[in-house]
Amino acid sequence: MTTGIDPAVPPSGTGCVECDSTGSWWVHLRRCAQCGHIGCCDDSLNKHATAHWRATGHPIIQSFEPGEDWFWDYERDDWADGPTLAPPHAHPESQSVPGPADRLPRDWREQLAADRGQ
């Protein structure tokens, strides 16, 4: 097993664990390559994937978006290589981006712009 990667562990679900538990929403999803935790990306308001890394020390994520298979190493702040992880490899294609659609506020664009200081 590559340090920080366990290819046998399946993803924790089809959405951000913390956003799902609080009724929030996300822009894109990232999968912890070590434990399978699904968290929202840094373009999302809550940035749960990065928070997961800081809380656990699990350094490598993979995109959990359909058609994407890249890895990122938080410790090196750089792209990483990794093996094929246990399926599924992305959230369902029917799931909206941002999403989920039923929790997406009408002013989501304004919220993201405000979060970025724009």
PDB file of N, CA and C in Angstrom:
ATOM      1  N   MET A   1       0.839  -1.195   0.000  1.00  0.00           N
ATOM      2  CA  MET A   1       0.000   0.000   0.000  1.00  0.00           C
ATOM      3  C   MET A   1       0.878   1.250   0.000  1.00  0.00           C
ATOM      4  N   THR A   2       0.595   2.172  -0.922  1.00  0.00           N
ATOM      5  CA  THR A   2       1.268   3.464  -0.950  1.00  0.00           C
ATOM      6  C   THR A   2       0.876   4.249   0.297  1.00  0.00           C
ATOM      7  N   THR A   3       1.824   4.945   0.887  1.00  0.00           N
ATOM      8  CA  THR A   3       1.532   5.745   2.072  1.00  0.00           C
ATOM      9  C   THR A   3       0.397   6.714   1.783  1.00  0.00           C
ATOM     10  N   GLY A   4      -0.617   6.703   2.624  1.00  0.00           N
ATOM     11  CA  GLY A   4      -1.751   7.604   2.457  1.00  0.00           C
ATOM     12  C   GLY A   4      -2.814   7.107   1.503  1.00  0.00           C
ATOM     13  N   ILE A   5      -2.663   5.885   0.981  1.00  0.00           N
ATOM     14  CA  ILE A   5      -3.646   5.345   0.042  1.00  0.00           C
ATOM     15  C   ILE A   5      -3.973   3.904   0.417  1.00  0.00           C
ATOM     16  N   ASP A   6      -5.255   3.612   0.519  1.00  0.00           N
ATOM     17  CA  ASP A   6      -5.720   2.233   0.695  1.00  0.00           C
ATOM     18  C   ASP A   6      -6.740   1.964  -0.405  1.00  0.00           C
ATOM     19  N   PRO A   7      -6.330   1.307  -1.490  1.00  0.00           N
ATOM     20  CA  PRO A   7      -7.221   1.126  -2.630  1.00  0.00           C
ATOM     21  C   PRO A   7      -8.422   0.218  -2.363  1.00  0.00           C
ATOM     22  N   ALA A   8      -8.420  -0.511  -1.261  1.00  0.00           N
ATOM     23  CA  ALA A   8      -9.522  -1.425  -0.964  1.00  0.00           C
ATOM     24  C   ALA A   8     -10.704  -0.751  -0.268  1.00  0.00           C
ATOM     25  N   VAL A   9     -10.505   0.448   0.258  1.00  0.00           N
ATOM     26  CA  VAL A   9     -11.556   1.120   1.026  1.00  0.00           C
ATOM     27  C   VAL A   9     -12.534   1.827   0.094  1.00  0.00           C
ATOM     28  N   PRO A  10     -13.828   1.517   0.199  1.00  0.00           N
ATOM     29  CA  PRO A  10     -14.819   2.192  -0.645  1.00  0.00           C
ATOM     30  C   PRO A  10     -15.105   3.608  -0.140  1.00  0.00           C
ATOM     31  N   PRO A  11     -15.687   4.445  -0.969  1.00  0.00           N
ATOM     32  CA  PRO A  11     -16.054   5.796  -0.530  1.00  0.00           C
ATOM     33  C   PRO A  11     -17.154   5.748   0.532  1.00  0.00           C
ATOM     34  N   SER A  12     -17.204   6.773   1.348  1.00  0.00           N
ATOM     35  CA  SER A  12     -18.156   6.839   2.462  1.00  0.00           C
ATOM     36  C   SER A  12     -19.591   7.080   2.012  1.00  0.00           C
ATOM     37  N   GLY A  13     -19.795   7.464   0.780  1.00  0.00           N
ATOM     38  CA  GLY A  13     -21.137   7.729   0.263  1.00  0.00           C
ATOM     39  C   GLY A  13     -21.045   8.459  -1.059  1.00  0.00           C
ATOM     40  N   THR A  14     -22.123   9.121  -1.440  1.00  0.00           N
ATOM     41  CA  THR A  14     -22.140   9.842  -2.716  1.00  0.00           C
ATOM     42  C   THR A  14     -22.096  11.354  -2.543  1.00  0.00           C
ATOM     43  N   GLY A  15     -22.028  11.816  -1.302  1.00  0.00           N
ATOM     44  CA  GLY A  15     -21.973  13.248  -1.033  1.00  0.00           C
ATOM     45  C   GLY A  15     -21.047  13.537   0.124  1.00  0.00           C
ATOM     46  N   CYS A  16     -20.784  14.811   0.358  1.00  0.00           N
ATOM     47  CA  CYS A  16     -19.941  15.238   1.473  1.00  0.00           C
ATOM     48  C   CYS A  16     -20.581  14.787   2.783  1.00  0.00           C
ATOM     49  N   VAL A  17     -19.827  14.040   3.573  1.00  0.00           N
ATOM     50  CA  VAL A  17     -20.331  13.485   4.828  1.00  0.00           C
ATOM     51  C   VAL A  17     -20.883  14.591   5.731  1.00  0.00           C
ATOM     52  N   GLU A  18     -20.087  15.632   5.939  1.00  0.00           N
ATOM     53  CA  GLU A  18     -20.489  16.696   6.870  1.00  0.00           C
ATOM     54  C   GLU A  18     -21.622  17.543   6.308  1.00  0.00           C
ATOM     55  N   CYS A  19     -21.570  17.877   5.024  1.00  0.00           N
ATOM     56  CA  CYS A  19     -22.658  18.663   4.427  1.00  0.00           C
ATOM     57  C   CYS A  19     -23.966  17.878   4.468  1.00  0.00           C
ATOM     58  N   ASP A  20     -23.899  16.574   4.192  1.00  0.00           N
ATOM     59  CA  ASP A  20     -25.108  15.759   4.272  1.00  0.00           C
ATOM     60  C   ASP A  20     -25.687  15.761   5.682  1.00  0.00           C
ATOM     61  N   SER A  21     -24.820  15.732   6.689  1.00  0.00           N
ATOM     62  CA  SER A  21     -25.315  15.676   8.074  1.00  0.00           C
ATOM     63  C   SER A  21     -25.905  16.999   8.550  1.00  0.00           C
ATOM     64  N   THR A  22     -25.505  18.115   7.904  1.00  0.00           N
ATOM     65  CA  THR A  22     -26.009  19.423   8.336  1.00  0.00           C
ATOM     66  C   THR A  22     -27.017  20.033   7.373  1.00  0.00           C
ATOM     67  N   GLY A  23     -27.242  19.363   6.234  1.00  0.00           N
ATOM     68  CA  GLY A  23     -28.171  19.907   5.245  1.00  0.00           C
ATOM     69  C   GLY A  23     -27.561  20.972   4.364  1.00  0.00           C
ATOM     70  N   SER A  24     -26.225  21.017   4.306  1.00  0.00           N
ATOM     71  CA  SER A  24     -25.542  22.009   3.485  1.00  0.00           C
ATOM     72  C   SER A  24     -25.356  21.491   2.060  1.00  0.00           C
ATOM     73  N   TRP A  25     -24.578  22.198   1.270  1.00  0.00           N
ATOM     74  CA  TRP A  25     -24.359  21.884  -0.139  1.00  0.00           C
ATOM     75  C   TRP A  25     -22.889  22.071  -0.478  1.00  0.00           C
ATOM     76  N   TRP A  26     -22.498  21.629  -1.672  1.00  0.00           N
ATOM     77  CA  TRP A  26     -21.104  21.682  -2.079  1.00  0.00           C
ATOM     78  C   TRP A  26     -20.984  22.028  -3.555  1.00  0.00           C
ATOM     79  N   VAL A  27     -19.752  22.351  -3.960  1.00  0.00           N
ATOM     80  CA  VAL A  27     -19.457  22.608  -5.364  1.00  0.00           C
ATOM     81  C   VAL A  27     -18.969  21.310  -6.018  1.00  0.00           C
ATOM     82  N   HIS A  28     -17.846  20.776  -5.545  1.00  0.00           N
ATOM     83  CA  HIS A  28     -17.294  19.521  -6.047  1.00  0.00           C
ATOM     84  C   HIS A  28     -16.928  18.631  -4.872  1.00  0.00           C
ATOM     85  N   LEU A  29     -16.741  17.347  -5.163  1.00  0.00           N
ATOM     86  CA  LEU A  29     -16.449  16.367  -4.114  1.00  0.00           C
ATOM     87  C   LEU A  29     -15.058  15.779  -4.279  1.00  0.00           C
ATOM     88  N   ARG A  30     -14.443  15.472  -3.123  1.00  0.00           N
ATOM     89  CA  ARG A  30     -13.122  14.867  -3.066  1.00  0.00           C
ATOM     90  C   ARG A  30     -13.175  13.649  -2.153  1.00  0.00           C
ATOM     91  N   ARG A  31     -12.406  12.629  -2.501  1.00  0.00           N
ATOM     92  CA  ARG A  31     -12.386  11.366  -1.757  1.00  0.00           C
ATOM     93  C   ARG A  31     -11.031  11.177  -1.091  1.00  0.00           C
ATOM     94  N   CYS A  32     -11.036  10.920   0.208  1.00  0.00           N
ATOM     95  CA  CYS A  32      -9.798  10.595   0.906  1.00  0.00           C
ATOM     96  C   CYS A  32      -9.324   9.232   0.401  1.00  0.00           C
ATOM     97  N   ALA A  33      -8.104   9.172  -0.094  1.00  0.00           N
ATOM     98  CA  ALA A  33      -7.572   7.937  -0.666  1.00  0.00           C
ATOM     99  C   ALA A  33      -7.178   6.930   0.412  1.00  0.00           C
ATOM    100  N   GLN A  34      -7.172   7.360   1.666  1.00  0.00           N
ATOM    101  CA  GLN A  34      -6.799   6.461   2.755  1.00  0.00           C
ATOM    102  C   GLN A  34      -8.006   5.819   3.423  1.00  0.00           C
ATOM    103  N   CYS A  35      -9.054   6.613   3.708  1.00  0.00           N
ATOM    104  CA  CYS A  35     -10.198   6.073   4.458  1.00  0.00           C
ATOM    105  C   CYS A  35     -11.519   6.134   3.699  1.00  0.00           C
ATOM    106  N   GLY A  36     -11.544   6.771   2.526  1.00  0.00           N
ATOM    107  CA  GLY A  36     -12.755   6.840   1.724  1.00  0.00           C
ATOM    108  C   GLY A  36     -13.697   7.990   2.057  1.00  0.00           C
ATOM    109  N   HIS A  37     -13.351   8.819   3.031  1.00  0.00           N
ATOM    110  CA  HIS A  37     -14.197   9.964   3.414  1.00  0.00           C
ATOM    111  C   HIS A  37     -14.458  10.848   2.204  1.00  0.00           C
ATOM    112  N   ILE A  38     -15.717  11.173   1.963  1.00  0.00           N
ATOM    113  CA  ILE A  38     -16.074  12.113   0.900  1.00  0.00           C
ATOM    114  C   ILE A  38     -16.307  13.470   1.546  1.00  0.00           C
ATOM    115  N   GLY A  39     -15.568  14.464   1.055  1.00  0.00           N
ATOM    116  CA  GLY A  39     -15.698  15.826   1.553  1.00  0.00           C
ATOM    117  C   GLY A  39     -15.812  16.800   0.397  1.00  0.00           C
ATOM    118  N   CYS A  40     -16.267  17.998   0.701  1.00  0.00           N
ATOM    119  CA  CYS A  40     -16.411  19.021  -0.335  1.00  0.00           C
ATOM    120  C   CYS A  40     -15.084  19.740  -0.563  1.00  0.00           C
ATOM    121  N   CYS A  41     -14.910  20.234  -1.778  1.00  0.00           N
ATOM    122  CA  CYS A  41     -13.663  20.870  -2.217  1.00  0.00           C
ATOM    123  C   CYS A  41     -13.487  22.264  -1.613  1.00  0.00           C
ATOM    124  N   ASP A  42     -12.328  22.843  -1.856  1.00  0.00           N
ATOM    125  CA  ASP A  42     -12.035  24.182  -1.334  1.00  0.00           C
ATOM    126  C   ASP A  42     -12.788  25.291  -2.051  1.00  0.00           C
ATOM    127  N   ASP A  43     -13.451  25.006  -3.167  1.00  0.00           N
ATOM    128  CA  ASP A  43     -14.335  25.985  -3.786  1.00  0.00           C
ATOM    129  C   ASP A  43     -15.696  26.014  -3.096  1.00  0.00           C
ATOM    130  N   SER A  44     -15.966  25.020  -2.271  1.00  0.00           N
ATOM    131  CA  SER A  44     -17.209  24.961  -1.504  1.00  0.00           C
ATOM    132  C   SER A  44     -17.069  25.830  -0.256  1.00  0.00           C
ATOM    133  N   LEU A  45     -18.192  26.246   0.294  1.00  0.00           N
ATOM    134  CA  LEU A  45     -18.148  27.106   1.475  1.00  0.00           C
ATOM    135  C   LEU A  45     -17.498  26.428   2.677  1.00  0.00           C
ATOM    136  N   ASN A  46     -17.725  25.131   2.835  1.00  0.00           N
ATOM    137  CA  ASN A  46     -17.295  24.447   4.056  1.00  0.00           C
ATOM    138  C   ASN A  46     -15.918  23.798   3.980  1.00  0.00           C
ATOM    139  N   LYS A  47     -15.424  23.511   2.799  1.00  0.00           N
ATOM    140  CA  LYS A  47     -14.060  22.988   2.610  1.00  0.00           C
ATOM    141  C   LYS A  47     -13.784  21.755   3.480  1.00  0.00           C
ATOM    142  N   HIS A  48     -14.734  20.813   3.498  1.00  0.00           N
ATOM    143  CA  HIS A  48     -14.610  19.658   4.390  1.00  0.00           C
ATOM    144  C   HIS A  48     -13.508  18.677   4.011  1.00  0.00           C
ATOM    145  N   ALA A  49     -13.124  18.572   2.748  1.00  0.00           N
ATOM    146  CA  ALA A  49     -12.034  17.658   2.380  1.00  0.00           C
ATOM    147  C   ALA A  49     -10.721  18.117   3.015  1.00  0.00           C
ATOM    148  N   THR A  50     -10.431  19.403   2.933  1.00  0.00           N
ATOM    149  CA  THR A  50      -9.222  19.934   3.565  1.00  0.00           C
ATOM    150  C   THR A  50      -9.305  19.821   5.081  1.00  0.00           C
ATOM    151  N   ALA A  51     -10.470  20.075   5.650  1.00  0.00           N
ATOM    152  CA  ALA A  51     -10.651  19.930   7.101  1.00  0.00           C
ATOM    153  C   ALA A  51     -10.397  18.488   7.538  1.00  0.00           C
ATOM    154  N   HIS A  52     -10.828  17.527   6.714  1.00  0.00           N
ATOM    155  CA  HIS A  52     -10.588  16.116   7.018  1.00  0.00           C
ATOM    156  C   HIS A  52      -9.087  15.827   7.058  1.00  0.00           C
ATOM    157  N   TRP A  53      -8.344  16.335   6.079  1.00  0.00           N
ATOM    158  CA  TRP A  53      -6.892  16.161   6.073  1.00  0.00           C
ATOM    159  C   TRP A  53      -6.270  16.748   7.343  1.00  0.00           C
ATOM    160  N   ARG A  54      -6.664  17.945   7.694  1.00  0.00           N
ATOM    161  CA  ARG A  54      -6.090  18.592   8.891  1.00  0.00           C
ATOM    162  C   ARG A  54      -6.421  17.818  10.165  1.00  0.00           C
ATOM    163  N   ALA A  55      -7.619  17.252  10.240  1.00  0.00           N
ATOM    164  CA  ALA A  55      -8.044  16.516  11.445  1.00  0.00           C
ATOM    165  C   ALA A  55      -7.430  15.122  11.537  1.00  0.00           C
ATOM    166  N   THR A  56      -7.201  14.489  10.387  1.00  0.00           N
ATOM    167  CA  THR A  56      -6.760  13.086  10.393  1.00  0.00           C
ATOM    168  C   THR A  56      -5.316  12.886   9.975  1.00  0.00           C
ATOM    169  N   GLY A  57      -4.756  13.825   9.202  1.00  0.00           N
ATOM    170  CA  GLY A  57      -3.429  13.644   8.649  1.00  0.00           C
ATOM    171  C   GLY A  57      -3.414  12.776   7.403  1.00  0.00           C
ATOM    172  N   HIS A  58      -4.580  12.408   6.889  1.00  0.00           N
ATOM    173  CA  HIS A  58      -4.656  11.634   5.646  1.00  0.00           C
ATOM    174  C   HIS A  58      -4.328  12.577   4.494  1.00  0.00           C
ATOM    175  N   PRO A  59      -3.172  12.403   3.846  1.00  0.00           N
ATOM    176  CA  PRO A  59      -2.658  13.441   2.946  1.00  0.00           C
ATOM    177  C   PRO A  59      -3.177  13.446   1.509  1.00  0.00           C
ATOM    178  N   ILE A  60      -3.732  12.345   1.032  1.00  0.00           N
ATOM    179  CA  ILE A  60      -4.011  12.256  -0.403  1.00  0.00           C
ATOM    180  C   ILE A  60      -5.511  12.133  -0.670  1.00  0.00           C
ATOM    181  N   ILE A  61      -5.982  12.945  -1.603  1.00  0.00           N
ATOM    182  CA  ILE A  61      -7.374  12.878  -2.043  1.00  0.00           C
ATOM    183  C   ILE A  61      -7.403  12.556  -3.528  1.00  0.00           C
ATOM    184  N   GLN A  62      -8.564  12.098  -3.957  1.00  0.00           N
ATOM    185  CA  GLN A  62      -8.818  11.926  -5.384  1.00  0.00           C
ATOM    186  C   GLN A  62     -10.130  12.637  -5.693  1.00  0.00           C
ATOM    187  N   SER A  63     -10.219  13.206  -6.875  1.00  0.00           N
ATOM    188  CA  SER A  63     -11.484  13.803  -7.285  1.00  0.00           C
ATOM    189  C   SER A  63     -12.563  12.729  -7.251  1.00  0.00           C
ATOM    190  N   PHE A  64     -13.763  13.126  -6.823  1.00  0.00           N
ATOM    191  CA  PHE A  64     -14.914  12.215  -6.815  1.00  0.00           C
ATOM    192  C   PHE A  64     -15.961  12.720  -7.805  1.00  0.00           C
ATOM    193  N   GLU A  65     -15.469  13.373  -8.851  1.00  0.00           N
ATOM    194  CA  GLU A  65     -16.322  13.890  -9.917  1.00  0.00           C
ATOM    195  C   GLU A  65     -16.288  12.940 -11.111  1.00  0.00           C
ATOM    196  N   PRO A  66     -17.429  12.729 -11.765  1.00  0.00           N
ATOM    197  CA  PRO A  66     -17.452  11.856 -12.946  1.00  0.00           C
ATOM    198  C   PRO A  66     -16.441  12.317 -13.998  1.00  0.00           C
ATOM    199  N   GLY A  67     -15.681  11.361 -14.538  1.00  0.00           N
ATOM    200  CA  GLY A  67     -14.722  11.658 -15.592  1.00  0.00           C
ATOM    201  C   GLY A  67     -13.384  12.181 -15.114  1.00  0.00           C
ATOM    202  N   GLU A  68     -13.197  12.350 -13.804  1.00  0.00           N
ATOM    203  CA  GLU A  68     -11.925  12.839 -13.263  1.00  0.00           C
ATOM    204  C   GLU A  68     -11.285  11.735 -12.427  1.00  0.00           C
ATOM    205  N   ASP A  69      -9.960  11.572 -12.556  1.00  0.00           N
ATOM    206  CA  ASP A  69      -9.285  10.540 -11.763  1.00  0.00           C
ATOM    207  C   ASP A  69      -7.982  11.029 -11.131  1.00  0.00           C
ATOM    208  N   TRP A  70      -7.798  12.353 -11.055  1.00  0.00           N
ATOM    209  CA  TRP A  70      -6.565  12.909 -10.514  1.00  0.00           C
ATOM    210  C   TRP A  70      -6.496  12.796  -8.985  1.00  0.00           C
ATOM    211  N   PHE A  71      -5.264  12.760  -8.490  1.00  0.00           N
ATOM    212  CA  PHE A  71      -4.976  12.735  -7.053  1.00  0.00           C
ATOM    213  C   PHE A  71      -4.256  14.030  -6.671  1.00  0.00           C
ATOM    214  N   TRP A  72      -4.417  14.437  -5.415  1.00  0.00           N
ATOM    215  CA  TRP A  72      -3.726  15.605  -4.869  1.00  0.00           C
ATOM    216  C   TRP A  72      -3.141  15.223  -3.523  1.00  0.00           C
ATOM    217  N   ASP A  73      -1.907  15.668  -3.278  1.00  0.00           N
ATOM    218  CA  ASP A  73      -1.226  15.416  -2.007  1.00  0.00           C
ATOM    219  C   ASP A  73      -1.158  16.732  -1.234  1.00  0.00           C
ATOM    220  N   TYR A  74      -1.916  16.814  -0.142  1.00  0.00           N
ATOM    221  CA  TYR A  74      -1.945  18.041   0.656  1.00  0.00           C
ATOM    222  C   TYR A  74      -0.576  18.352   1.262  1.00  0.00           C
ATOM    223  N   GLU A  75       0.141  17.335   1.728  1.00  0.00           N
ATOM    224  CA  GLU A  75       1.431  17.575   2.385  1.00  0.00           C
ATOM    225  C   GLU A  75       2.451  18.167   1.422  1.00  0.00           C
ATOM    226  N   ARG A  76       2.481  17.681   0.195  1.00  0.00           N
ATOM    227  CA  ARG A  76       3.420  18.197  -0.804  1.00  0.00           C
ATOM    228  C   ARG A  76       2.851  19.383  -1.574  1.00  0.00           C
ATOM    229  N   ASP A  77       1.539  19.625  -1.403  1.00  0.00           N
ATOM    230  CA  ASP A  77       0.852  20.682  -2.145  1.00  0.00           C
ATOM    231  C   ASP A  77       1.106  20.530  -3.643  1.00  0.00           C
ATOM    232  N   ASP A  78       0.851  19.278  -4.112  1.00  0.00           N
ATOM    233  CA  ASP A  78       1.149  18.970  -5.502  1.00  0.00           C
ATOM    234  C   ASP A  78       0.315  17.775  -5.957  1.00  0.00           C
ATOM    235  N   TRP A  79       0.243  17.629  -7.277  1.00  0.00           N
ATOM    236  CA  TRP A  79      -0.427  16.472  -7.857  1.00  0.00           C
ATOM    237  C   TRP A  79       0.262  15.204  -7.384  1.00  0.00           C
ATOM    238  N   ALA A  80      -0.487  14.103  -7.356  1.00  0.00           N
ATOM    239  CA  ALA A  80       0.069  12.821  -6.934  1.00  0.00           C
ATOM    240  C   ALA A  80      -0.410  11.723  -7.883  1.00  0.00           C
ATOM    241  N   ASP A  81       0.264  10.611  -7.821  1.00  0.00           N
ATOM    242  CA  ASP A  81      -0.145   9.424  -8.558  1.00  0.00           C
ATOM    243  C   ASP A  81      -0.750   8.440  -7.577  1.00  0.00           C
ATOM    244  N   GLY A  82      -1.658   7.635  -8.070  1.00  0.00           N
ATOM    245  CA  GLY A  82      -2.249   6.630  -7.214  1.00  0.00           C
ATOM    246  C   GLY A  82      -2.882   5.524  -8.019  1.00  0.00           C
ATOM    247  N   PRO A  83      -3.200   4.428  -7.351  1.00  0.00           N
ATOM    248  CA  PRO A  83      -3.808   3.284  -8.019  1.00  0.00           C
ATOM    249  C   PRO A  83      -5.309   3.495  -8.199  1.00  0.00           C
ATOM    250  N   THR A  84      -5.925   2.584  -8.889  1.00  0.00           N
ATOM    251  CA  THR A  84      -7.384   2.587  -8.990  1.00  0.00           C
ATOM    252  C   THR A  84      -7.960   2.255  -7.623  1.00  0.00           C
ATOM    253  N   LEU A  85      -8.861   3.094  -7.155  1.00  0.00           N
ATOM    254  CA  LEU A  85      -9.487   2.884  -5.847  1.00  0.00           C
ATOM    255  C   LEU A  85     -10.756   2.055  -6.000  1.00  0.00           C
ATOM    256  N   ALA A  86     -11.245   1.535  -4.878  1.00  0.00           N
ATOM    257  CA  ALA A  86     -12.475   0.739  -4.883  1.00  0.00           C
ATOM    258  C   ALA A  86     -13.640   1.568  -5.417  1.00  0.00           C
ATOM    259  N   PRO A  87     -14.532   0.940  -6.165  1.00  0.00           N
ATOM    260  CA  PRO A  87     -15.689   1.669  -6.703  1.00  0.00           C
ATOM    261  C   PRO A  87     -16.705   1.997  -5.610  1.00  0.00           C
ATOM    262  N   PRO A  88     -17.586   2.956  -5.898  1.00  0.00           N
ATOM    263  CA  PRO A  88     -17.670   3.759  -7.115  1.00  0.00           C
ATOM    264  C   PRO A  88     -16.572   4.824  -7.153  1.00  0.00           C
ATOM    265  N   HIS A  89     -16.252   5.292  -8.349  1.00  0.00           N
ATOM    266  CA  HIS A  89     -15.153   6.232  -8.544  1.00  0.00           C
ATOM    267  C   HIS A  89     -15.609   7.684  -8.602  1.00  0.00           C
ATOM    268  N   ALA A  90     -16.924   7.897  -8.556  1.00  0.00           N
ATOM    269  CA  ALA A  90     -17.474   9.253  -8.621  1.00  0.00           C
ATOM    270  C   ALA A  90     -18.903   9.224  -8.087  1.00  0.00           C
ATOM    271  N   HIS A  91     -19.392  10.412  -7.784  1.00  0.00           N
ATOM    272  CA  HIS A  91     -20.803  10.507  -7.412  1.00  0.00           C
ATOM    273  C   HIS A  91     -21.640  10.203  -8.655  1.00  0.00           C
ATOM    274  N   PRO A  92     -22.918   9.875  -8.477  1.00  0.00           N
ATOM    275  CA  PRO A  92     -23.759   9.576  -9.646  1.00  0.00           C
ATOM    276  C   PRO A  92     -23.802  10.765 -10.613  1.00  0.00           C
ATOM    277  N   GLU A  93     -23.753  10.467 -11.894  1.00  0.00           N
ATOM    278  CA  GLU A  93     -23.794  11.534 -12.898  1.00  0.00           C
ATOM    279  C   GLU A  93     -25.083  12.337 -12.815  1.00  0.00           C
ATOM    280  N   SER A  94     -26.132  11.752 -12.283  1.00  0.00           N
ATOM    281  CA  SER A  94     -27.413  12.452 -12.139  1.00  0.00           C
ATOM    282  C   SER A  94     -27.389  13.480 -11.009  1.00  0.00           C
ATOM    283  N   GLN A  95     -26.385  13.437 -10.155  1.00  0.00           N
ATOM    284  CA  GLN A  95     -26.274  14.373  -9.028  1.00  0.00           C
ATOM    285  C   GLN A  95     -25.770  15.713  -9.550  1.00  0.00           C
ATOM    286  N   SER A  96     -26.474  16.771  -9.217  1.00  0.00           N
ATOM    287  CA  SER A  96     -26.119  18.090  -9.750  1.00  0.00           C
ATOM    288  C   SER A  96     -24.784  18.592  -9.217  1.00  0.00           C
ATOM    289  N   VAL A  97     -24.167  19.483  -9.980  1.00  0.00           N
ATOM    290  CA  VAL A  97     -22.930  20.164  -9.598  1.00  0.00           C
ATOM    291  C   VAL A  97     -23.146  21.644  -9.862  1.00  0.00           C
ATOM    292  N   PRO A  98     -23.115  22.503  -8.832  1.00  0.00           N
ATOM    293  CA  PRO A  98     -23.052  22.142  -7.423  1.00  0.00           C
ATOM    294  C   PRO A  98     -24.305  21.380  -7.002  1.00  0.00           C
ATOM    295  N   GLY A  99     -24.251  20.860  -5.811  1.00  0.00           N
ATOM    296  CA  GLY A  99     -25.392  20.070  -5.370  1.00  0.00           C
ATOM    297  C   GLY A  99     -25.385  19.811  -3.883  1.00  0.00           C
ATOM    298  N   PRO A 100     -26.277  19.017  -3.438  1.00  0.00           N
ATOM    299  CA  PRO A 100     -27.373  18.447  -4.217  1.00  0.00           C
ATOM    300  C   PRO A 100     -28.422  19.507  -4.554  1.00  0.00           C
ATOM    301  N   ALA A 101     -29.086  19.314  -5.668  1.00  0.00           N
ATOM    302  CA  ALA A 101     -29.995  20.321  -6.217  1.00  0.00           C
ATOM    303  C   ALA A 101     -31.070  20.751  -5.234  1.00  0.00           C
ATOM    304  N   ASP A 102     -31.585  19.829  -4.436  1.00  0.00           N
ATOM    305  CA  ASP A 102     -32.675  20.182  -3.518  1.00  0.00           C
ATOM    306  C   ASP A 102     -32.207  21.011  -2.322  1.00  0.00           C
ATOM    307  N   ARG A 103     -30.890  21.132  -2.116  1.00  0.00           N
ATOM    308  CA  ARG A 103     -30.373  21.948  -1.011  1.00  0.00           C
ATOM    309  C   ARG A 103     -29.613  23.174  -1.495  1.00  0.00           C
ATOM    310  N   LEU A 104     -29.514  23.339  -2.787  1.00  0.00           N
ATOM    311  CA  LEU A 104     -28.760  24.452  -3.353  1.00  0.00           C
ATOM    312  C   LEU A 104     -29.570  25.744  -3.214  1.00  0.00           C
ATOM    313  N   PRO A 105     -29.037  26.736  -2.488  1.00  0.00           N
ATOM    314  CA  PRO A 105     -29.782  27.993  -2.345  1.00  0.00           C
ATOM    315  C   PRO A 105     -29.801  28.778  -3.656  1.00  0.00           C
ATOM    316  N   ARG A 106     -30.830  29.586  -3.817  1.00  0.00           N
ATOM    317  CA  ARG A 106     -30.945  30.394  -5.044  1.00  0.00           C
ATOM    318  C   ARG A 106     -29.761  31.324  -5.229  1.00  0.00           C
ATOM    319  N   ASP A 107     -29.207  31.797  -4.118  1.00  0.00           N
ATOM    320  CA  ASP A 107     -28.101  32.756  -4.191  1.00  0.00           C
ATOM    321  C   ASP A 107     -26.735  32.092  -4.024  1.00  0.00           C
ATOM    322  N   TRP A 108     -26.602  30.832  -4.454  1.00  0.00           N
ATOM    323  CA  TRP A 108     -25.349  30.108  -4.234  1.00  0.00           C
ATOM    324  C   TRP A 108     -24.160  30.804  -4.877  1.00  0.00           C
ATOM    325  N   ARG A 109     -24.340  31.402  -6.038  1.00  0.00           N
ATOM    326  CA  ARG A 109     -23.227  32.107  -6.691  1.00  0.00           C
ATOM    327  C   ARG A 109     -22.758  33.295  -5.844  1.00  0.00           C
ATOM    328  N   GLU A 110     -23.701  34.027  -5.296  1.00  0.00           N
ATOM    329  CA  GLU A 110     -23.361  35.173  -4.449  1.00  0.00           C
ATOM    330  C   GLU A 110     -22.664  34.716  -3.171  1.00  0.00           C
ATOM    331  N   GLN A 111     -23.114  33.599  -2.605  1.00  0.00           N
ATOM    332  CA  GLN A 111     -22.466  33.073  -1.403  1.00  0.00           C
ATOM    333  C   GLN A 111     -21.016  32.699  -1.674  1.00  0.00           C
ATOM    334  N   LEU A 112     -20.770  32.061  -2.807  1.00  0.00           N
ATOM    335  CA  LEU A 112     -19.391  31.691  -3.145  1.00  0.00           C
ATOM    336  C   LEU A 112     -18.538  32.926  -3.405  1.00  0.00           C
ATOM    337  N   ALA A 113     -19.096  33.920  -4.093  1.00  0.00           N
ATOM    338  CA  ALA A 113     -18.346  35.151  -4.355  1.00  0.00           C
ATOM    339  C   ALA A 113     -18.007  35.853  -3.046  1.00  0.00           C
ATOM    340  N   ALA A 114     -18.939  35.898  -2.115  1.00  0.00           N
ATOM    341  CA  ALA A 114     -18.696  36.532  -0.819  1.00  0.00           C
ATOM    342  C   ALA A 114     -17.616  35.775  -0.046  1.00  0.00           C
ATOM    343  N   ASP A 115     -17.637  34.449  -0.136  1.00  0.00           N
ATOM    344  CA  ASP A 115     -16.647  33.625   0.556  1.00  0.00           C
ATOM    345  C   ASP A 115     -15.240  33.892   0.010  1.00  0.00           C
ATOM    346  N   ARG A 116     -15.171  34.222  -1.277  1.00  0.00           N
ATOM    347  CA  ARG A 116     -13.873  34.503  -1.912  1.00  0.00           C
ATOM    348  C   ARG A 116     -13.490  35.970  -1.796  1.00  0.00           C
ATOM    349  N   GLY A 117     -14.332  36.754  -1.160  1.00  0.00           N
ATOM    350  CA  GLY A 117     -14.037  38.171  -0.987  1.00  0.00           C
ATOM    351  C   GLY A 117     -14.230  38.996  -2.237  1.00  0.00           C
ATOM    352  N   GLN A 118     -15.113  38.545  -3.134  1.00  0.00           N
ATOM    353  CA  GLN A 118     -15.322  39.271  -4.383  1.00  0.00           C
ATOM    354  C   GLN A 118     -16.529  40.160  -4.301  1.00  0.00           C
TER     355      GLN A 118
END
